[in-house]
Amino acid sequence: MDLSYMAKMPQSEFTARRQKVFEQMQDNSALIVFTETEKRRNNDCEYLFRPDSYFWYLTGFAEPQSALLLIKQQGQIQSILFLREKDPLME
């Protein structure tokens, strides 16, 4: 999946998208959105990774094994992005 055009999208676009989700959430609630893991095609090859559409729409982030947690508590909002640990061999 060619995601090169994402570099041109300002982070403010993704922030605005998350804000729209927060507006729909009830107070004292949370939403978690996951992205998939990499899928193996055979022993030494993997399929091209494609992030979950909802995850990408809200974050613009295209890494496998990630999660976005949106929390709305007592009128306060918080976004937390969870990432897998970096693998020096894969970098």
PDB file of N, CA and C in Angstrom:
ATOM      1  N   MET A   1       0.851  -1.171   0.000  1.00  0.00           N
ATOM      2  CA  MET A   1       0.000   0.000   0.000  1.00  0.00           C
ATOM      3  C   MET A   1       0.894   1.230   0.000  1.00  0.00           C
ATOM      4  N   ASP A   2       0.714   2.088  -0.963  1.00  0.00           N
ATOM      5  CA  ASP A   2       1.517   3.302  -1.060  1.00  0.00           C
ATOM      6  C   ASP A   2       0.944   4.356  -0.122  1.00  0.00           C
ATOM      7  N   LEU A   3       1.679   4.669   0.922  1.00  0.00           N
ATOM      8  CA  LEU A   3       1.229   5.662   1.900  1.00  0.00           C
ATOM      9  C   LEU A   3       2.063   6.934   1.830  1.00  0.00           C
ATOM     10  N   SER A   4       2.784   7.137   0.734  1.00  0.00           N
ATOM     11  CA  SER A   4       3.668   8.299   0.625  1.00  0.00           C
ATOM     12  C   SER A   4       2.906   9.616   0.680  1.00  0.00           C
ATOM     13  N   TYR A   5       1.665   9.628   0.231  1.00  0.00           N
ATOM     14  CA  TYR A   5       0.879  10.860   0.267  1.00  0.00           C
ATOM     15  C   TYR A   5       0.561  11.300   1.693  1.00  0.00           C
ATOM     16  N   MET A   6       0.673  10.378   2.654  1.00  0.00           N
ATOM     17  CA  MET A   6       0.387  10.724   4.048  1.00  0.00           C
ATOM     18  C   MET A   6       1.336  11.781   4.574  1.00  0.00           C
ATOM     19  N   ALA A   7       2.553  11.804   4.078  1.00  0.00           N
ATOM     20  CA  ALA A   7       3.529  12.781   4.555  1.00  0.00           C
ATOM     21  C   ALA A   7       3.053  14.194   4.278  1.00  0.00           C
ATOM     22  N   LYS A   8       2.177  14.359   3.302  1.00  0.00           N
ATOM     23  CA  LYS A   8       1.666  15.679   2.937  1.00  0.00           C
ATOM     24  C   LYS A   8       0.473  16.092   3.788  1.00  0.00           C
ATOM     25  N   MET A   9      -0.116  15.158   4.506  1.00  0.00           N
ATOM     26  CA  MET A   9      -1.280  15.480   5.335  1.00  0.00           C
ATOM     27  C   MET A   9      -0.806  16.050   6.663  1.00  0.00           C
ATOM     28  N   PRO A  10      -1.316  17.209   7.041  1.00  0.00           N
ATOM     29  CA  PRO A  10      -0.888  17.781   8.324  1.00  0.00           C
ATOM     30  C   PRO A  10      -1.440  16.981   9.500  1.00  0.00           C
ATOM     31  N   GLN A  11      -0.679  16.930  10.569  1.00  0.00           N
ATOM     32  CA  GLN A  11      -1.110  16.215  11.772  1.00  0.00           C
ATOM     33  C   GLN A  11      -2.427  16.789  12.291  1.00  0.00           C
ATOM     34  N   SER A  12      -2.662  18.064  12.034  1.00  0.00           N
ATOM     35  CA  SER A  12      -3.903  18.702  12.493  1.00  0.00           C
ATOM     36  C   SER A  12      -5.138  18.025  11.895  1.00  0.00           C
ATOM     37  N   GLU A  13      -5.013  17.436  10.718  1.00  0.00           N
ATOM     38  CA  GLU A  13      -6.134  16.714  10.097  1.00  0.00           C
ATOM     39  C   GLU A  13      -6.519  15.502  10.942  1.00  0.00           C
ATOM     40  N   PHE A  14      -5.540  14.750  11.385  1.00  0.00           N
ATOM     41  CA  PHE A  14      -5.821  13.569  12.203  1.00  0.00           C
ATOM     42  C   PHE A  14      -6.327  13.974  13.590  1.00  0.00           C
ATOM     43  N   THR A  15      -5.791  15.063  14.116  1.00  0.00           N
ATOM     44  CA  THR A  15      -6.266  15.583  15.403  1.00  0.00           C
ATOM     45  C   THR A  15      -7.736  15.973  15.298  1.00  0.00           C
ATOM     46  N   ALA A  16      -8.107  16.633  14.209  1.00  0.00           N
ATOM     47  CA  ALA A  16      -9.501  17.040  14.001  1.00  0.00           C
ATOM     48  C   ALA A  16     -10.414  15.818  13.876  1.00  0.00           C
ATOM     49  N   ARG A  17      -9.939  14.784  13.236  1.00  0.00           N
ATOM     50  CA  ARG A  17     -10.732  13.555  13.103  1.00  0.00           C
ATOM     51  C   ARG A  17     -10.974  12.911  14.462  1.00  0.00           C
ATOM     52  N   ARG A  18      -9.933  12.866  15.291  1.00  0.00           N
ATOM     53  CA  ARG A  18     -10.108  12.302  16.640  1.00  0.00           C
ATOM     54  C   ARG A  18     -11.063  13.170  17.457  1.00  0.00           C
ATOM     55  N   GLN A  19     -10.990  14.478  17.274  1.00  0.00           N
ATOM     56  CA  GLN A  19     -11.875  15.390  17.998  1.00  0.00           C
ATOM     57  C   GLN A  19     -13.338  15.095  17.660  1.00  0.00           C
ATOM     58  N   LYS A  20     -13.620  14.807  16.398  1.00  0.00           N
ATOM     59  CA  LYS A  20     -14.995  14.469  15.997  1.00  0.00           C
ATOM     60  C   LYS A  20     -15.469  13.194  16.689  1.00  0.00           C
ATOM     61  N   VAL A  21     -14.570  12.243  16.861  1.00  0.00           N
ATOM     62  CA  VAL A  21     -14.925  11.012  17.572  1.00  0.00           C
ATOM     63  C   VAL A  21     -15.215  11.332  19.033  1.00  0.00           C
ATOM     64  N   PHE A  22     -14.366  12.150  19.644  1.00  0.00           N
ATOM     65  CA  PHE A  22     -14.582  12.531  21.044  1.00  0.00           C
ATOM     66  C   PHE A  22     -15.941  13.197  21.234  1.00  0.00           C
ATOM     67  N   GLU A  23     -16.362  13.998  20.273  1.00  0.00           N
ATOM     68  CA  GLU A  23     -17.656  14.676  20.374  1.00  0.00           C
ATOM     69  C   GLU A  23     -18.813  13.684  20.404  1.00  0.00           C
ATOM     70  N   GLN A  24     -18.633  12.514  19.815  1.00  0.00           N
ATOM     71  CA  GLN A  24     -19.672  11.486  19.787  1.00  0.00           C
ATOM     72  C   GLN A  24     -19.620  10.555  21.000  1.00  0.00           C
ATOM     73  N   MET A  25     -18.528  10.597  21.737  1.00  0.00           N
ATOM     74  CA  MET A  25     -18.364   9.706  22.887  1.00  0.00           C
ATOM     75  C   MET A  25     -19.080  10.252  24.114  1.00  0.00           C
ATOM     76  N   GLN A  26     -19.617   9.363  24.913  1.00  0.00           N
ATOM     77  CA  GLN A  26     -20.208   9.750  26.189  1.00  0.00           C
ATOM     78  C   GLN A  26     -19.092  10.032  27.181  1.00  0.00           C
ATOM     79  N   ASP A  27     -19.398  10.838  28.194  1.00  0.00           N
ATOM     80  CA  ASP A  27     -18.416  11.098  29.241  1.00  0.00           C
ATOM     81  C   ASP A  27     -18.130   9.793  29.990  1.00  0.00           C
ATOM     82  N   ASN A  28     -16.921   9.673  30.514  1.00  0.00           N
ATOM     83  CA  ASN A  28     -16.459   8.479  31.228  1.00  0.00           C
ATOM     84  C   ASN A  28     -16.517   7.230  30.340  1.00  0.00           C
ATOM     85  N   SER A  29     -16.005   7.373  29.125  1.00  0.00           N
ATOM     86  CA  SER A  29     -15.960   6.240  28.203  1.00  0.00           C
ATOM     87  C   SER A  29     -14.592   6.174  27.532  1.00  0.00           C
ATOM     88  N   ALA A  30     -14.337   5.047  26.905  1.00  0.00           N
ATOM     89  CA  ALA A  30     -13.065   4.844  26.210  1.00  0.00           C
ATOM     90  C   ALA A  30     -13.330   4.092  24.912  1.00  0.00           C
ATOM     91  N   LEU A  31     -12.442   4.297  23.965  1.00  0.00           N
ATOM     92  CA  LEU A  31     -12.500   3.607  22.682  1.00  0.00           C
ATOM     93  C   LEU A  31     -11.093   3.148  22.348  1.00  0.00           C
ATOM     94  N   ILE A  32     -10.968   1.903  21.931  1.00  0.00           N
ATOM     95  CA  ILE A  32      -9.660   1.399  21.529  1.00  0.00           C
ATOM     96  C   ILE A  32      -9.766   0.860  20.104  1.00  0.00           C
ATOM     97  N   VAL A  33      -8.789   1.244  19.280  1.00  0.00           N
ATOM     98  CA  VAL A  33      -8.742   0.821  17.878  1.00  0.00           C
ATOM     99  C   VAL A  33      -7.383   0.168  17.648  1.00  0.00           C
ATOM    100  N   PHE A  34      -7.404  -1.045  17.130  1.00  0.00           N
ATOM    101  CA  PHE A  34      -6.172  -1.797  16.883  1.00  0.00           C
ATOM    102  C   PHE A  34      -5.848  -1.809  15.400  1.00  0.00           C
ATOM    103  N   THR A  35      -4.584  -2.031  15.108  1.00  0.00           N
ATOM    104  CA  THR A  35      -4.177  -2.350  13.750  1.00  0.00           C
ATOM    105  C   THR A  35      -3.657  -3.785  13.755  1.00  0.00           C
ATOM    106  N   GLU A  36      -3.662  -4.402  12.619  1.00  0.00           N
ATOM    107  CA  GLU A  36      -3.298  -5.814  12.497  1.00  0.00           C
ATOM    108  C   GLU A  36      -1.807  -6.061  12.693  1.00  0.00           C
ATOM    109  N   THR A  37      -1.483  -7.325  12.795  1.00  0.00           N
ATOM    110  CA  THR A  37      -0.085  -7.750  12.790  1.00  0.00           C
ATOM    111  C   THR A  37       0.326  -8.006  11.340  1.00  0.00           C
ATOM    112  N   GLU A  38       1.603  -8.149  11.124  1.00  0.00           N
ATOM    113  CA  GLU A  38       2.073  -8.517   9.799  1.00  0.00           C
ATOM    114  C   GLU A  38       1.690  -9.968   9.536  1.00  0.00           C
ATOM    115  N   LYS A  39       1.290 -10.255   8.329  1.00  0.00           N
ATOM    116  CA  LYS A  39       0.872 -11.611   7.957  1.00  0.00           C
ATOM    117  C   LYS A  39       1.955 -12.269   7.118  1.00  0.00           C
ATOM    118  N   ARG A  40       2.323 -13.474   7.520  1.00  0.00           N
ATOM    119  CA  ARG A  40       3.332 -14.237   6.771  1.00  0.00           C
ATOM    120  C   ARG A  40       2.710 -14.907   5.561  1.00  0.00           C
ATOM    121  N   ARG A  41       3.425 -14.802   4.470  1.00  0.00           N
ATOM    122  CA  ARG A  41       3.013 -15.481   3.246  1.00  0.00           C
ATOM    123  C   ARG A  41       3.636 -16.865   3.178  1.00  0.00           C
ATOM    124  N   ASN A  42       4.907 -16.928   3.505  1.00  0.00           N
ATOM    125  CA  ASN A  42       5.612 -18.206   3.625  1.00  0.00           C
ATOM    126  C   ASN A  42       6.767 -17.989   4.599  1.00  0.00           C
ATOM    127  N   ASN A  43       7.689 -18.896   4.703  1.00  0.00           N
ATOM    128  CA  ASN A  43       8.722 -18.825   5.743  1.00  0.00           C
ATOM    129  C   ASN A  43       9.578 -17.567   5.719  1.00  0.00           C
ATOM    130  N   ASP A  44       9.831 -17.019   4.564  1.00  0.00           N
ATOM    131  CA  ASP A  44      10.744 -15.874   4.503  1.00  0.00           C
ATOM    132  C   ASP A  44      10.120 -14.631   3.875  1.00  0.00           C
ATOM    133  N   CYS A  45       8.828 -14.620   3.738  1.00  0.00           N
ATOM    134  CA  CYS A  45       8.180 -13.500   3.056  1.00  0.00           C
ATOM    135  C   CYS A  45       6.880 -13.142   3.769  1.00  0.00           C
ATOM    136  N   GLU A  46       6.597 -11.856   3.833  1.00  0.00           N
ATOM    137  CA  GLU A  46       5.347 -11.401   4.436  1.00  0.00           C
ATOM    138  C   GLU A  46       4.541 -10.633   3.404  1.00  0.00           C
ATOM    139  N   TYR A  47       3.242 -10.635   3.592  1.00  0.00           N
ATOM    140  CA  TYR A  47       2.390  -9.807   2.752  1.00  0.00           C
ATOM    141  C   TYR A  47       2.675  -8.343   3.052  1.00  0.00           C
ATOM    142  N   LEU A  48       2.426  -7.481   2.093  1.00  0.00           N
ATOM    143  CA  LEU A  48       2.569  -6.052   2.292  1.00  0.00           C
ATOM    144  C   LEU A  48       1.581  -5.615   3.370  1.00  0.00           C
ATOM    145  N   PHE A  49       2.076  -4.935   4.394  1.00  0.00           N
ATOM    146  CA  PHE A  49       1.217  -4.532   5.508  1.00  0.00           C
ATOM    147  C   PHE A  49       0.295  -3.391   5.096  1.00  0.00           C
ATOM    148  N   ARG A  50      -0.960  -3.497   5.502  1.00  0.00           N
ATOM    149  CA  ARG A  50      -1.933  -2.429   5.304  1.00  0.00           C
ATOM    150  C   ARG A  50      -2.585  -2.163   6.653  1.00  0.00           C
ATOM    151  N   PRO A  51      -2.501  -0.914   7.143  1.00  0.00           N
ATOM    152  CA  PRO A  51      -3.109  -0.627   8.446  1.00  0.00           C
ATOM    153  C   PRO A  51      -4.632  -0.684   8.364  1.00  0.00           C
ATOM    154  N   ASP A  52      -5.260  -0.964   9.491  1.00  0.00           N
ATOM    155  CA  ASP A  52      -6.709  -0.925   9.581  1.00  0.00           C
ATOM    156  C   ASP A  52      -7.196   0.459   9.168  1.00  0.00           C
ATOM    157  N   SER A  53      -8.246   0.531   8.381  1.00  0.00           N
ATOM    158  CA  SER A  53      -8.733   1.816   7.858  1.00  0.00           C
ATOM    159  C   SER A  53      -9.130   2.783   8.964  1.00  0.00           C
ATOM    160  N   TYR A  54      -9.820   2.285   9.986  1.00  0.00           N
ATOM    161  CA  TYR A  54     -10.220   3.163  11.087  1.00  0.00           C
ATOM    162  C   TYR A  54      -8.990   3.701  11.815  1.00  0.00           C
ATOM    163  N   PHE A  55      -8.037   2.845  12.064  1.00  0.00           N
ATOM    164  CA  PHE A  55      -6.818   3.239  12.767  1.00  0.00           C
ATOM    165  C   PHE A  55      -6.068   4.300  11.972  1.00  0.00           C
ATOM    166  N   TRP A  56      -5.883   4.051  10.688  1.00  0.00           N
ATOM    167  CA  TRP A  56      -5.163   5.012   9.854  1.00  0.00           C
ATOM    168  C   TRP A  56      -5.907   6.341   9.770  1.00  0.00           C
ATOM    169  N   TYR A  57      -7.234   6.299   9.639  1.00  0.00           N
ATOM    170  CA  TYR A  57      -8.041   7.513   9.535  1.00  0.00           C
ATOM    171  C   TYR A  57      -7.863   8.402  10.762  1.00  0.00           C
ATOM    172  N   LEU A  58      -7.725   7.791  11.927  1.00  0.00           N
ATOM    173  CA  LEU A  58      -7.609   8.563  13.168  1.00  0.00           C
ATOM    174  C   LEU A  58      -6.178   8.945  13.529  1.00  0.00           C
ATOM    175  N   THR A  59      -5.193   8.225  12.992  1.00  0.00           N
ATOM    176  CA  THR A  59      -3.810   8.465  13.418  1.00  0.00           C
ATOM    177  C   THR A  59      -2.856   8.859  12.295  1.00  0.00           C
ATOM    178  N   GLY A  60      -3.095   8.353  11.100  1.00  0.00           N
ATOM    179  CA  GLY A  60      -2.132   8.544  10.023  1.00  0.00           C
ATOM    180  C   GLY A  60      -0.888   7.703  10.222  1.00  0.00           C
ATOM    181  N   PHE A  61      -0.965   6.750  11.125  1.00  0.00           N
ATOM    182  CA  PHE A  61       0.176   5.921  11.496  1.00  0.00           C
ATOM    183  C   PHE A  61       0.006   4.542  10.871  1.00  0.00           C
ATOM    184  N   ALA A  62       1.040   4.043  10.248  1.00  0.00           N
ATOM    185  CA  ALA A  62       0.915   2.793   9.494  1.00  0.00           C
ATOM    186  C   ALA A  62       1.917   1.742   9.944  1.00  0.00           C
ATOM    187  N   GLU A  63       1.942   1.448  11.219  1.00  0.00           N
ATOM    188  CA  GLU A  63       2.824   0.405  11.746  1.00  0.00           C
ATOM    189  C   GLU A  63       1.977  -0.735  12.298  1.00  0.00           C
ATOM    190  N   PRO A  64       2.423  -1.976  12.089  1.00  0.00           N
ATOM    191  CA  PRO A  64       1.668  -3.111  12.625  1.00  0.00           C
ATOM    192  C   PRO A  64       1.742  -3.182  14.149  1.00  0.00           C
ATOM    193  N   GLN A  65       0.795  -3.914  14.715  1.00  0.00           N
ATOM    194  CA  GLN A  65       0.730  -4.161  16.160  1.00  0.00           C
ATOM    195  C   GLN A  65       0.704  -2.866  16.966  1.00  0.00           C
ATOM    196  N   SER A  66      -0.142  -1.951  16.563  1.00  0.00           N
ATOM    197  CA  SER A  66      -0.307  -0.686  17.279  1.00  0.00           C
ATOM    198  C   SER A  66      -1.747  -0.583  17.759  1.00  0.00           C
ATOM    199  N   ALA A  67      -1.969   0.308  18.704  1.00  0.00           N
ATOM    200  CA  ALA A  67      -3.316   0.531  19.212  1.00  0.00           C
ATOM    201  C   ALA A  67      -3.475   1.996  19.588  1.00  0.00           C
ATOM    202  N   LEU A  68      -4.669   2.512  19.371  1.00  0.00           N
ATOM    203  CA  LEU A  68      -5.023   3.875  19.760  1.00  0.00           C
ATOM    204  C   LEU A  68      -6.089   3.783  20.837  1.00  0.00           C
ATOM    205  N   LEU A  69      -5.853   4.452  21.942  1.00  0.00           N
ATOM    206  CA  LEU A  69      -6.819   4.509  23.037  1.00  0.00           C
ATOM    207  C   LEU A  69      -7.304   5.941  23.174  1.00  0.00           C
ATOM    208  N   LEU A  70      -8.614   6.137  23.048  1.00  0.00           N
ATOM    209  CA  LEU A  70      -9.232   7.448  23.243  1.00  0.00           C
ATOM    210  C   LEU A  70     -10.025   7.389  24.539  1.00  0.00           C
ATOM    211  N   ILE A  71      -9.775   8.341  25.422  1.00  0.00           N
ATOM    212  CA  ILE A  71     -10.432   8.375  26.731  1.00  0.00           C
ATOM    213  C   ILE A  71     -11.118   9.720  26.900  1.00  0.00           C
ATOM    214  N   LYS A  72     -12.375   9.666  27.321  1.00  0.00           N
ATOM    215  CA  LYS A  72     -13.116  10.883  27.659  1.00  0.00           C
ATOM    216  C   LYS A  72     -13.629  10.698  29.082  1.00  0.00           C
ATOM    217  N   GLN A  73     -13.055  11.471  30.002  1.00  0.00           N
ATOM    218  CA  GLN A  73     -13.373  11.292  31.418  1.00  0.00           C
ATOM    219  C   GLN A  73     -13.547  12.651  32.070  1.00  0.00           C
ATOM    220  N   GLN A  74     -14.713  12.859  32.638  1.00  0.00           N
ATOM    221  CA  GLN A  74     -15.052  14.107  33.328  1.00  0.00           C
ATOM    222  C   GLN A  74     -14.759  15.324  32.449  1.00  0.00           C
ATOM    223  N   GLY A  75     -15.145  15.218  31.174  1.00  0.00           N
ATOM    224  CA  GLY A  75     -14.977  16.326  30.240  1.00  0.00           C
ATOM    225  C   GLY A  75     -13.580  16.482  29.668  1.00  0.00           C
ATOM    226  N   GLN A  76     -12.620  15.715  30.167  1.00  0.00           N
ATOM    227  CA  GLN A  76     -11.239  15.773  29.667  1.00  0.00           C
ATOM    228  C   GLN A  76     -11.043  14.675  28.624  1.00  0.00           C
ATOM    229  N   ILE A  77     -10.265  14.978  27.596  1.00  0.00           N
ATOM    230  CA  ILE A  77     -10.004  13.985  26.562  1.00  0.00           C
ATOM    231  C   ILE A  77      -8.516  13.663  26.503  1.00  0.00           C
ATOM    232  N   GLN A  78      -8.232  12.427  26.114  1.00  0.00           N
ATOM    233  CA  GLN A  78      -6.844  11.981  26.034  1.00  0.00           C
ATOM    234  C   GLN A  78      -6.723  10.929  24.935  1.00  0.00           C
ATOM    235  N   SER A  79      -5.672  11.059  24.114  1.00  0.00           N
ATOM    236  CA  SER A  79      -5.345  10.070  23.083  1.00  0.00           C
ATOM    237  C   SER A  79      -4.009   9.439  23.443  1.00  0.00           C
ATOM    238  N   ILE A  80      -3.960   8.111  23.446  1.00  0.00           N
ATOM    239  CA  ILE A  80      -2.721   7.396  23.747  1.00  0.00           C
ATOM    240  C   ILE A  80      -2.463   6.414  22.610  1.00  0.00           C
ATOM    241  N   LEU A  81      -1.263   6.472  22.049  1.00  0.00           N
ATOM    242  CA  LEU A  81      -0.876   5.573  20.966  1.00  0.00           C
ATOM    243  C   LEU A  81       0.111   4.552  21.516  1.00  0.00           C
ATOM    244  N   PHE A  82      -0.237   3.274  21.397  1.00  0.00           N
ATOM    245  CA  PHE A  82       0.625   2.184  21.847  1.00  0.00           C
ATOM    246  C   PHE A  82       1.327   1.580  20.633  1.00  0.00           C
ATOM    247  N   LEU A  83       2.644   1.397  20.745  1.00  0.00           N
ATOM    248  CA  LEU A  83       3.451   0.863  19.649  1.00  0.00           C
ATOM    249  C   LEU A  83       4.216  -0.356  20.126  1.00  0.00           C
ATOM    250  N   ARG A  84       4.567  -1.217  19.201  1.00  0.00           N
ATOM    251  CA  ARG A  84       5.405  -2.356  19.571  1.00  0.00           C
ATOM    252  C   ARG A  84       6.841  -1.868  19.760  1.00  0.00           C
ATOM    253  N   GLU A  85       7.609  -2.625  20.509  1.00  0.00           N
ATOM    254  CA  GLU A  85       9.013  -2.268  20.720  1.00  0.00           C
ATOM    255  C   GLU A  85       9.767  -2.369  19.407  1.00  0.00           C
ATOM    256  N   LYS A  86      10.756  -1.494  19.246  1.00  0.00           N
ATOM    257  CA  LYS A  86      11.577  -1.537  18.036  1.00  0.00           C
ATOM    258  C   LYS A  86      12.457  -2.776  18.054  1.00  0.00           C
ATOM    259  N   ASP A  87      12.581  -3.385  16.899  1.00  0.00           N
ATOM    260  CA  ASP A  87      13.438  -4.550  16.719  1.00  0.00           C
ATOM    261  C   ASP A  87      14.673  -4.099  15.945  1.00  0.00           C
ATOM    262  N   PRO A  88      15.847  -4.053  16.583  1.00  0.00           N
ATOM    263  CA  PRO A  88      17.057  -3.570  15.904  1.00  0.00           C
ATOM    264  C   PRO A  88      17.369  -4.329  14.612  1.00  0.00           C
ATOM    265  N   LEU A  89      17.006  -5.590  14.548  1.00  0.00           N
ATOM    266  CA  LEU A  89      17.267  -6.372  13.338  1.00  0.00           C
ATOM    267  C   LEU A  89      16.364  -5.965  12.177  1.00  0.00           C
ATOM    268  N   MET A  90      15.196  -5.434  12.496  1.00  0.00           N
ATOM    269  CA  MET A  90      14.244  -5.049  11.453  1.00  0.00           C
ATOM    270  C   MET A  90      14.392  -3.594  11.023  1.00  0.00           C
ATOM    271  N   GLU A  91      15.120  -2.809  11.797  1.00  0.00           N
ATOM    272  CA  GLU A  91      15.273  -1.378  11.485  1.00  0.00           C
ATOM    273  C   GLU A  91      16.225  -1.162  10.349  1.00  0.00           C
TER     274      GLU A  91
END
